[in-house]
Amino acid sequence: MDHDAVLTLFDHQMRQHTQGGERVGDVVRQADSDGDWNGVVWSGLDRAGADAAIAEQVRYFASLRRDFEWKLYAHDRPDDLGARLRAAGFTPEPEETVMVAEIRDLPTAVDLPEGVRLRPVTDAAGVDLMADVHEQAFGTSSARLREQLLAQLAQTPDTVSMTLAMAGDLPVCAARMELHPGTEFASLWGGGTLAAWRGRGIYRALIAHRARIAAEGGYRFLQVDATSQSRPILQRLGFVPLSTTTPYVYALGEQRH
């Protein structure tokens, strides 16, 4: 894989021209409903204009009364953008590794442990199970995720594929894939597995399952923002690091502006 070429393609297709994105000056932002994601997906800033651009986005999202996120990538400029965001009241969350693989190079055979089956999610009941697994696997609230997934099922069902791994009637892993029409990328999200079911290959099986769906849809790359836990598994499957990304969160309730 040509790292620089793929990174340029990723920036162009997934950040600068993302579906639903709005370009304002040297910033591309996304402002959706309260239950969906709001934030800055790309910026092309220099030192002279960075602080003003940050302040402008704070004012904009504050006028909508929405918390938002600035997704900062390691190769973004200026090189002190993270420090500028912190000074403006943003809080950084843990860094993740942006990893990419060519789908043609990935395994697509689904090998599940005995007694585990895959269940597609197509209704609200399935979304509730997805959200419950997310809370148990990651230890965080899934209220916002539940709203987002319900909205996707209702409004753009062809752009998301959601799957549960079931052990009998018990959901033990939940994963989804975002399909990005007009690009060469599909992106993987979730993959949280209940602690008692980890280490059995379920996460890998769900990657293979989603890779097969993406291949059938004509996509070339799979992309994932990987945690330190999932990165080694993804590397063994053929994913390579492209960059790193840190979500900088601006919570209106925590600010005095």
C-alpha atoms as a PDB file:
ATOM      1  CA  MET A   1       0.000   0.000   0.000  1.00  0.00           C
ATOM      2  CA  ASP A   2       1.256   3.473  -0.920  1.00  0.00           C
ATOM      3  CA  HIS A   3       0.862   5.153   2.462  1.00  0.00           C
ATOM      4  CA  ASP A   4       1.014   8.767   1.271  1.00  0.00           C
ATOM      5  CA  ALA A   5      -1.359   8.163  -1.642  1.00  0.00           C
ATOM      6  CA  VAL A   6      -3.938   6.430   0.564  1.00  0.00           C
ATOM      7  CA  LEU A   7      -3.672   9.128   3.227  1.00  0.00           C
ATOM      8  CA  THR A   8      -4.278  11.804   0.589  1.00  0.00           C
ATOM      9  CA  LEU A   9      -7.261   9.845  -0.729  1.00  0.00           C
ATOM     10  CA  PHE A  10      -8.628   9.399   2.792  1.00  0.00           C
ATOM     11  CA  ASP A  11      -8.352  13.117   3.539  1.00  0.00           C
ATOM     12  CA  HIS A  12      -9.985  14.028   0.243  1.00  0.00           C
ATOM     13  CA  GLN A  13     -12.874  11.556   0.269  1.00  0.00           C
ATOM     14  CA  MET A  14     -13.589  11.029   3.954  1.00  0.00           C
ATOM     15  CA  ARG A  15     -12.783  14.420   5.429  1.00  0.00           C
ATOM     16  CA  GLN A  16     -12.751  17.271   2.901  1.00  0.00           C
ATOM     17  CA  HIS A  17     -15.732  15.973   0.935  1.00  0.00           C
ATOM     18  CA  THR A  18     -17.528  13.887   3.535  1.00  0.00           C
ATOM     19  CA  GLN A  19     -21.221  13.295   2.992  1.00  0.00           C
ATOM     20  CA  GLY A  20     -23.187  15.816   4.992  1.00  0.00           C
ATOM     21  CA  GLY A  21     -20.156  18.019   5.503  1.00  0.00           C
ATOM     22  CA  GLU A  22     -20.203  21.798   5.090  1.00  0.00           C
ATOM     23  CA  ARG A  23     -17.072  23.710   4.170  1.00  0.00           C
ATOM     24  CA  VAL A  24     -16.656  27.080   5.840  1.00  0.00           C
ATOM     25  CA  GLY A  25     -13.368  28.723   4.982  1.00  0.00           C
ATOM     26  CA  ASP A  26     -10.617  26.265   5.874  1.00  0.00           C
ATOM     27  CA  VAL A  27     -12.869  24.025   7.993  1.00  0.00           C
ATOM     28  CA  VAL A  28     -15.248  21.214   7.104  1.00  0.00           C
ATOM     29  CA  ARG A  29     -17.865  20.645   9.778  1.00  0.00           C
ATOM     30  CA  GLN A  30     -20.866  18.417  10.204  1.00  0.00           C
ATOM     31  CA  ALA A  31     -23.960  19.593  12.031  1.00  0.00           C
ATOM     32  CA  ASP A  32     -26.657  16.978  12.326  1.00  0.00           C
ATOM     33  CA  SER A  33     -29.557  16.357  14.623  1.00  0.00           C
ATOM     34  CA  ASP A  34     -28.976  16.329  18.363  1.00  0.00           C
ATOM     35  CA  GLY A  35     -28.774  12.542  18.380  1.00  0.00           C
ATOM     36  CA  ASP A  36     -26.140  12.371  15.668  1.00  0.00           C
ATOM     37  CA  TRP A  37     -22.492  13.393  15.418  1.00  0.00           C
ATOM     38  CA  ASN A  38     -21.586  17.071  15.387  1.00  0.00           C
ATOM     39  CA  GLY A  39     -18.116  18.398  14.831  1.00  0.00           C
ATOM     40  CA  VAL A  40     -15.154  19.326  12.659  1.00  0.00           C
ATOM     41  CA  VAL A  41     -13.878  16.560  10.388  1.00  0.00           C
ATOM     42  CA  TRP A  42     -11.159  18.459   8.515  1.00  0.00           C
ATOM     43  CA  SER A  43      -9.253  21.711   8.706  1.00  0.00           C
ATOM     44  CA  GLY A  44      -6.505  23.274   6.646  1.00  0.00           C
ATOM     45  CA  LEU A  45      -5.325  25.964   9.028  1.00  0.00           C
ATOM     46  CA  ASP A  46      -2.173  27.972   9.510  1.00  0.00           C
ATOM     47  CA  ARG A  47      -0.844  29.614  12.657  1.00  0.00           C
ATOM     48  CA  ALA A  48      -2.196  33.019  11.705  1.00  0.00           C
ATOM     49  CA  GLY A  49      -5.809  31.922  11.324  1.00  0.00           C
ATOM     50  CA  ALA A  50      -6.141  28.887  13.590  1.00  0.00           C
ATOM     51  CA  ASP A  51      -7.393  30.590  16.770  1.00  0.00           C
ATOM     52  CA  ALA A  52     -10.015  32.600  14.898  1.00  0.00           C
ATOM     53  CA  ALA A  53     -11.242  29.479  13.093  1.00  0.00           C
ATOM     54  CA  ILE A  54     -11.532  27.614  16.387  1.00  0.00           C
ATOM     55  CA  ALA A  55     -13.465  30.475  17.980  1.00  0.00           C
ATOM     56  CA  GLU A  56     -15.794  30.625  14.983  1.00  0.00           C
ATOM     57  CA  GLN A  57     -16.703  26.944  15.337  1.00  0.00           C
ATOM     58  CA  VAL A  58     -17.275  27.329  19.074  1.00  0.00           C
ATOM     59  CA  ARG A  59     -19.683  30.194  18.389  1.00  0.00           C
ATOM     60  CA  TYR A  60     -21.446  28.252  15.644  1.00  0.00           C
ATOM     61  CA  PHE A  61     -22.119  25.108  17.652  1.00  0.00           C
ATOM     62  CA  ALA A  62     -22.980  27.132  20.747  1.00  0.00           C
ATOM     63  CA  SER A  63     -25.649  28.911  18.691  1.00  0.00           C
ATOM     64  CA  LEU A  64     -27.104  25.468  17.960  1.00  0.00           C
ATOM     65  CA  ARG A  65     -26.794  24.526  21.654  1.00  0.00           C
ATOM     66  CA  ARG A  66     -24.801  21.431  20.791  1.00  0.00           C
ATOM     67  CA  ASP A  67     -21.679  19.878  22.191  1.00  0.00           C
ATOM     68  CA  PHE A  68     -19.261  19.013  19.401  1.00  0.00           C
ATOM     69  CA  GLU A  69     -16.007  17.289  18.596  1.00  0.00           C
ATOM     70  CA  TRP A  70     -12.949  18.408  16.654  1.00  0.00           C
ATOM     71  CA  LYS A  71     -11.302  15.329  15.150  1.00  0.00           C
ATOM     72  CA  LEU A  72      -7.612  16.188  15.111  1.00  0.00           C
ATOM     73  CA  TYR A  73      -5.300  13.988  13.039  1.00  0.00           C
ATOM     74  CA  ALA A  74      -1.553  13.717  13.598  1.00  0.00           C
ATOM     75  CA  HIS A  75      -0.763  15.202  10.191  1.00  0.00           C
ATOM     76  CA  ASP A  76      -3.073  18.220  10.585  1.00  0.00           C
ATOM     77  CA  ARG A  77      -1.572  21.690  10.753  1.00  0.00           C
ATOM     78  CA  PRO A  78      -0.513  23.814  12.462  1.00  0.00           C
ATOM     79  CA  ASP A  79       1.488  21.379  14.577  1.00  0.00           C
ATOM     80  CA  ASP A  80       0.293  23.044  17.796  1.00  0.00           C
ATOM     81  CA  LEU A  81      -3.401  22.757  16.931  1.00  0.00           C
ATOM     82  CA  GLY A  82      -4.024  20.426  19.854  1.00  0.00           C
ATOM     83  CA  ALA A  83      -2.637  22.959  22.315  1.00  0.00           C
ATOM     84  CA  ARG A  84      -4.765  25.677  20.733  1.00  0.00           C
ATOM     85  CA  LEU A  85      -7.897  23.531  21.103  1.00  0.00           C
ATOM     86  CA  ARG A  86      -7.140  22.869  24.770  1.00  0.00           C
ATOM     87  CA  ALA A  87      -6.622  26.579  25.352  1.00  0.00           C
ATOM     88  CA  ALA A  88     -10.036  27.216  23.790  1.00  0.00           C
ATOM     89  CA  GLY A  89     -11.762  24.863  26.227  1.00  0.00           C
ATOM     90  CA  PHE A  90     -11.668  21.523  24.430  1.00  0.00           C
ATOM     91  CA  THR A  91     -10.913  18.284  26.274  1.00  0.00           C
ATOM     92  CA  PRO A  92      -8.897  15.587  24.479  1.00  0.00           C
ATOM     93  CA  GLU A  93     -10.082  11.997  24.601  1.00  0.00           C
ATOM     94  CA  PRO A  94      -7.771   8.976  24.155  1.00  0.00           C
ATOM     95  CA  GLU A  95      -5.800   8.854  20.918  1.00  0.00           C
ATOM     96  CA  GLU A  96      -6.749   6.205  18.362  1.00  0.00           C
ATOM     97  CA  THR A  97      -4.838   4.818  15.388  1.00  0.00           C
ATOM     98  CA  VAL A  98      -6.370   5.267  11.948  1.00  0.00           C
ATOM     99  CA  MET A  99      -5.871   1.905  10.248  1.00  0.00           C
ATOM    100  CA  VAL A 100      -6.646   0.913   6.666  1.00  0.00           C
ATOM    101  CA  ALA A 101      -6.618  -2.307   4.668  1.00  0.00           C
ATOM    102  CA  GLU A 102      -7.383  -3.155   1.070  1.00  0.00           C
ATOM    103  CA  ILE A 103     -10.472  -5.337   1.212  1.00  0.00           C
ATOM    104  CA  ARG A 104      -9.131  -7.716  -1.409  1.00  0.00           C
ATOM    105  CA  ASP A 105      -6.315  -8.618   1.014  1.00  0.00           C
ATOM    106  CA  LEU A 106      -8.581  -9.381   3.985  1.00  0.00           C
ATOM    107  CA  PRO A 107     -10.036 -12.738   5.003  1.00  0.00           C
ATOM    108  CA  THR A 108     -13.786 -12.923   4.416  1.00  0.00           C
ATOM    109  CA  ALA A 109     -14.457 -16.404   5.812  1.00  0.00           C
ATOM    110  CA  VAL A 110     -16.468 -16.104   9.024  1.00  0.00           C
ATOM    111  CA  ASP A 111     -15.157 -18.539  11.657  1.00  0.00           C
ATOM    112  CA  LEU A 112     -17.262 -18.368  14.823  1.00  0.00           C
ATOM    113  CA  PRO A 113     -16.935 -20.318  18.070  1.00  0.00           C
ATOM    114  CA  GLU A 114     -19.372 -23.157  18.561  1.00  0.00           C
ATOM    115  CA  GLY A 115     -22.781 -21.919  19.650  1.00  0.00           C
ATOM    116  CA  VAL A 116     -22.323 -18.373  18.338  1.00  0.00           C
ATOM    117  CA  ARG A 117     -24.228 -17.034  15.339  1.00  0.00           C
ATOM    118  CA  LEU A 118     -24.511 -13.673  13.588  1.00  0.00           C
ATOM    119  CA  ARG A 119     -27.747 -11.692  13.589  1.00  0.00           C
ATOM    120  CA  PRO A 120     -28.287  -8.653  11.362  1.00  0.00           C
ATOM    121  CA  VAL A 121     -29.829  -5.631  13.060  1.00  0.00           C
ATOM    122  CA  THR A 122     -32.723  -4.095  11.159  1.00  0.00           C
ATOM    123  CA  ASP A 123     -35.112  -2.797  13.815  1.00  0.00           C
ATOM    124  CA  ALA A 124     -35.340  -0.884  17.080  1.00  0.00           C
ATOM    125  CA  ALA A 125     -35.177  -4.041  19.193  1.00  0.00           C
ATOM    126  CA  GLY A 126     -31.857  -4.937  17.582  1.00  0.00           C
ATOM    127  CA  VAL A 127     -30.552  -1.414  18.146  1.00  0.00           C
ATOM    128  CA  ASP A 128     -31.400  -1.725  21.836  1.00  0.00           C
ATOM    129  CA  LEU A 129     -29.314  -4.907  22.022  1.00  0.00           C
ATOM    130  CA  MET A 130     -26.458  -3.182  20.166  1.00  0.00           C
ATOM    131  CA  ALA A 131     -26.518  -0.316  22.653  1.00  0.00           C
ATOM    132  CA  ASP A 132     -26.649  -2.659  25.646  1.00  0.00           C
ATOM    133  CA  VAL A 133     -23.586  -4.585  24.441  1.00  0.00           C
ATOM    134  CA  HIS A 134     -21.766  -1.297  23.819  1.00  0.00           C
ATOM    135  CA  GLU A 135     -22.394  -0.172  27.397  1.00  0.00           C
ATOM    136  CA  GLN A 136     -21.203  -3.460  28.865  1.00  0.00           C
ATOM    137  CA  ALA A 137     -18.157  -3.776  26.612  1.00  0.00           C
ATOM    138  CA  PHE A 138     -16.902  -0.188  26.825  1.00  0.00           C
ATOM    139  CA  GLY A 139     -18.336   0.957  30.145  1.00  0.00           C
ATOM    140  CA  THR A 140     -19.819   4.146  28.697  1.00  0.00           C
ATOM    141  CA  SER A 141     -23.348   5.406  28.120  1.00  0.00           C
ATOM    142  CA  SER A 142     -24.889   4.400  24.813  1.00  0.00           C
ATOM    143  CA  ALA A 143     -27.855   6.797  24.892  1.00  0.00           C
ATOM    144  CA  ARG A 144     -26.494   8.959  22.098  1.00  0.00           C
ATOM    145  CA  LEU A 145     -25.422   5.935  20.057  1.00  0.00           C
ATOM    146  CA  ARG A 146     -28.921   4.483  20.326  1.00  0.00           C
ATOM    147  CA  GLU A 147     -30.431   7.699  18.944  1.00  0.00           C
ATOM    148  CA  GLN A 148     -27.889   7.805  16.122  1.00  0.00           C
ATOM    149  CA  LEU A 149     -28.468   4.219  15.025  1.00  0.00           C
ATOM    150  CA  LEU A 150     -32.246   4.558  15.149  1.00  0.00           C
ATOM    151  CA  ALA A 151     -31.999   7.672  12.970  1.00  0.00           C
ATOM    152  CA  GLN A 152     -29.783   5.856  10.462  1.00  0.00           C
ATOM    153  CA  LEU A 153     -32.173   2.931  10.204  1.00  0.00           C
ATOM    154  CA  ALA A 154     -35.058   5.308   9.591  1.00  0.00           C
ATOM    155  CA  GLN A 155     -33.369   7.766   7.235  1.00  0.00           C
ATOM    156  CA  THR A 156     -30.384   6.125   5.496  1.00  0.00           C
ATOM    157  CA  PRO A 157     -30.539   2.356   6.071  1.00  0.00           C
ATOM    158  CA  ASP A 158     -28.397   1.631   3.002  1.00  0.00           C
ATOM    159  CA  THR A 159     -25.384   3.404   4.528  1.00  0.00           C
ATOM    160  CA  VAL A 160     -25.032   1.255   7.648  1.00  0.00           C
ATOM    161  CA  SER A 161     -24.666  -2.457   8.321  1.00  0.00           C
ATOM    162  CA  MET A 162     -25.153  -3.580  11.925  1.00  0.00           C
ATOM    163  CA  THR A 163     -24.535  -7.053  13.282  1.00  0.00           C
ATOM    164  CA  LEU A 164     -24.816  -8.847  16.600  1.00  0.00           C
ATOM    165  CA  ALA A 165     -22.977 -11.995  17.605  1.00  0.00           C
ATOM    166  CA  MET A 166     -25.425 -14.099  19.602  1.00  0.00           C
ATOM    167  CA  ALA A 167     -24.715 -16.961  21.992  1.00  0.00           C
ATOM    168  CA  GLY A 168     -28.191 -18.393  22.188  1.00  0.00           C
ATOM    169  CA  ASP A 169     -30.350 -15.453  23.243  1.00  0.00           C
ATOM    170  CA  LEU A 170     -27.397 -13.525  24.690  1.00  0.00           C
ATOM    171  CA  PRO A 171     -25.781 -10.773  22.562  1.00  0.00           C
ATOM    172  CA  VAL A 172     -22.039 -11.048  23.170  1.00  0.00           C
ATOM    173  CA  CYS A 173     -20.592  -8.676  20.544  1.00  0.00           C
ATOM    174  CA  ALA A 174     -21.958  -5.772  18.511  1.00  0.00           C
ATOM    175  CA  ALA A 175     -20.387  -4.219  15.422  1.00  0.00           C
ATOM    176  CA  ARG A 176     -21.407  -1.915  12.624  1.00  0.00           C
ATOM    177  CA  MET A 177     -20.013  -0.652   9.335  1.00  0.00           C
ATOM    178  CA  GLU A 178     -20.620   2.722   7.763  1.00  0.00           C
ATOM    179  CA  LEU A 179     -20.780   2.700   3.975  1.00  0.00           C
ATOM    180  CA  HIS A 180     -19.730   5.959   2.335  1.00  0.00           C
ATOM    181  CA  PRO A 181     -21.305   6.284  -1.134  1.00  0.00           C
ATOM    182  CA  GLY A 182     -19.119   8.038  -3.680  1.00  0.00           C
ATOM    183  CA  THR A 183     -15.918   7.027  -1.893  1.00  0.00           C
ATOM    184  CA  GLU A 184     -13.668   3.977  -1.892  1.00  0.00           C
ATOM    185  CA  PHE A 185     -13.964   3.568   1.870  1.00  0.00           C
ATOM    186  CA  ALA A 186     -16.178   1.724   4.298  1.00  0.00           C
ATOM    187  CA  SER A 187     -15.481   2.251   7.997  1.00  0.00           C
ATOM    188  CA  LEU A 188     -15.726  -0.130  10.936  1.00  0.00           C
ATOM    189  CA  TRP A 189     -17.185   0.889  14.293  1.00  0.00           C
ATOM    190  CA  GLY A 190     -17.968  -0.856  17.545  1.00  0.00           C
ATOM    191  CA  GLY A 191     -16.841  -4.433  17.777  1.00  0.00           C
ATOM    192  CA  GLY A 192     -17.215  -4.391  21.530  1.00  0.00           C
ATOM    193  CA  THR A 193     -17.255  -7.904  23.014  1.00  0.00           C
ATOM    194  CA  LEU A 194     -18.434  -8.863  26.483  1.00  0.00           C
ATOM    195  CA  ALA A 195     -15.459  -9.591  28.728  1.00  0.00           C
ATOM    196  CA  ALA A 196     -16.333 -13.273  29.224  1.00  0.00           C
ATOM    197  CA  TRP A 197     -16.377 -13.835  25.441  1.00  0.00           C
ATOM    198  CA  ARG A 198     -13.132 -12.132  24.456  1.00  0.00           C
ATOM    199  CA  GLY A 199     -10.233 -14.046  22.986  1.00  0.00           C
ATOM    200  CA  ARG A 200     -12.437 -16.484  21.047  1.00  0.00           C
ATOM    201  CA  GLY A 201     -12.183 -14.925  17.598  1.00  0.00           C
ATOM    202  CA  ILE A 202     -15.578 -13.195  17.559  1.00  0.00           C
ATOM    203  CA  TYR A 203     -14.101  -9.752  16.833  1.00  0.00           C
ATOM    204  CA  ARG A 204     -12.075 -11.188  13.927  1.00  0.00           C
ATOM    205  CA  ALA A 205     -15.138 -12.998  12.579  1.00  0.00           C
ATOM    206  CA  LEU A 206     -17.129  -9.767  12.536  1.00  0.00           C
ATOM    207  CA  ILE A 207     -14.345  -8.013  10.624  1.00  0.00           C
ATOM    208  CA  ALA A 208     -14.428 -10.775   8.016  1.00  0.00           C
ATOM    209  CA  HIS A 209     -18.223 -10.554   7.842  1.00  0.00           C
ATOM    210  CA  ARG A 210     -18.148  -6.815   7.238  1.00  0.00           C
ATOM    211  CA  ALA A 211     -15.248  -7.078   4.772  1.00  0.00           C
ATOM    212  CA  ARG A 212     -17.347  -9.427   2.664  1.00  0.00           C
ATOM    213  CA  ILE A 213     -20.294  -7.021   2.682  1.00  0.00           C
ATOM    214  CA  ALA A 214     -18.030  -4.099   1.728  1.00  0.00           C
ATOM    215  CA  ALA A 215     -16.468  -6.117  -1.093  1.00  0.00           C
ATOM    216  CA  GLU A 216     -19.918  -6.939  -2.452  1.00  0.00           C
ATOM    217  CA  GLY A 217     -20.691  -3.215  -2.353  1.00  0.00           C
ATOM    218  CA  GLY A 218     -17.664  -2.399  -4.494  1.00  0.00           C
ATOM    219  CA  TYR A 219     -15.578  -0.682  -1.822  1.00  0.00           C
ATOM    220  CA  ARG A 220     -11.788  -0.836  -1.976  1.00  0.00           C
ATOM    221  CA  PHE A 221     -10.690  -0.004   1.583  1.00  0.00           C
ATOM    222  CA  LEU A 222     -11.791  -0.709   5.124  1.00  0.00           C
ATOM    223  CA  GLN A 223     -10.887   1.964   7.668  1.00  0.00           C
ATOM    224  CA  VAL A 224     -11.100   1.859  11.446  1.00  0.00           C
ATOM    225  CA  ASP A 225     -10.139   4.156  14.314  1.00  0.00           C
ATOM    226  CA  ALA A 226      -8.434   1.515  16.446  1.00  0.00           C
ATOM    227  CA  THR A 227      -7.936   1.439  20.189  1.00  0.00           C
ATOM    228  CA  SER A 228      -4.803  -0.023  21.700  1.00  0.00           C
ATOM    229  CA  GLN A 229      -6.768  -3.242  22.326  1.00  0.00           C
ATOM    230  CA  SER A 230      -7.936  -3.741  18.741  1.00  0.00           C
ATOM    231  CA  ARG A 231      -4.818  -2.499  16.945  1.00  0.00           C
ATOM    232  CA  PRO A 232      -2.784  -5.741  17.347  1.00  0.00           C
ATOM    233  CA  ILE A 233      -5.663  -7.851  16.031  1.00  0.00           C
ATOM    234  CA  LEU A 234      -6.147  -5.560  13.052  1.00  0.00           C
ATOM    235  CA  GLN A 235      -2.436  -5.563  12.241  1.00  0.00           C
ATOM    236  CA  ARG A 236      -2.410  -9.353  12.195  1.00  0.00           C
ATOM    237  CA  LEU A 237      -5.287  -9.283   9.727  1.00  0.00           C
ATOM    238  CA  GLY A 238      -3.441  -6.925   7.373  1.00  0.00           C
ATOM    239  CA  PHE A 239      -4.482  -3.422   8.452  1.00  0.00           C
ATOM    240  CA  VAL A 240      -1.725  -0.794   8.475  1.00  0.00           C
ATOM    241  CA  PRO A 241      -1.506   2.462  10.468  1.00  0.00           C
ATOM    242  CA  LEU A 242      -2.320   5.520   8.371  1.00  0.00           C
ATOM    243  CA  SER A 243      -2.303   8.250  11.025  1.00  0.00           C
ATOM    244  CA  THR A 244      -3.561   8.845  14.537  1.00  0.00           C
ATOM    245  CA  THR A 245      -6.618  10.805  15.589  1.00  0.00           C
ATOM    246  CA  THR A 246      -7.586  12.453  18.855  1.00  0.00           C
ATOM    247  CA  PRO A 247     -11.156  13.615  19.502  1.00  0.00           C
ATOM    248  CA  TYR A 248     -11.205  17.040  21.135  1.00  0.00           C
ATOM    249  CA  VAL A 249     -14.596  17.537  22.776  1.00  0.00           C
ATOM    250  CA  TYR A 250     -16.248  20.845  23.526  1.00  0.00           C
ATOM    251  CA  ALA A 251     -19.035  20.431  26.083  1.00  0.00           C
ATOM    252  CA  LEU A 252     -21.178  23.535  26.435  1.00  0.00           C
ATOM    253  CA  GLY A 253     -22.198  22.731  29.978  1.00  0.00           C
ATOM    254  CA  GLU A 254     -18.582  22.769  31.100  1.00  0.00           C
ATOM    255  CA  GLN A 255     -17.739  26.155  29.596  1.00  0.00           C
ATOM    256  CA  ARG A 256     -18.218  29.702  30.843  1.00  0.00           C
ATOM    257  CA  HIS A 257     -18.239  31.351  27.434  1.00  0.00           C
END
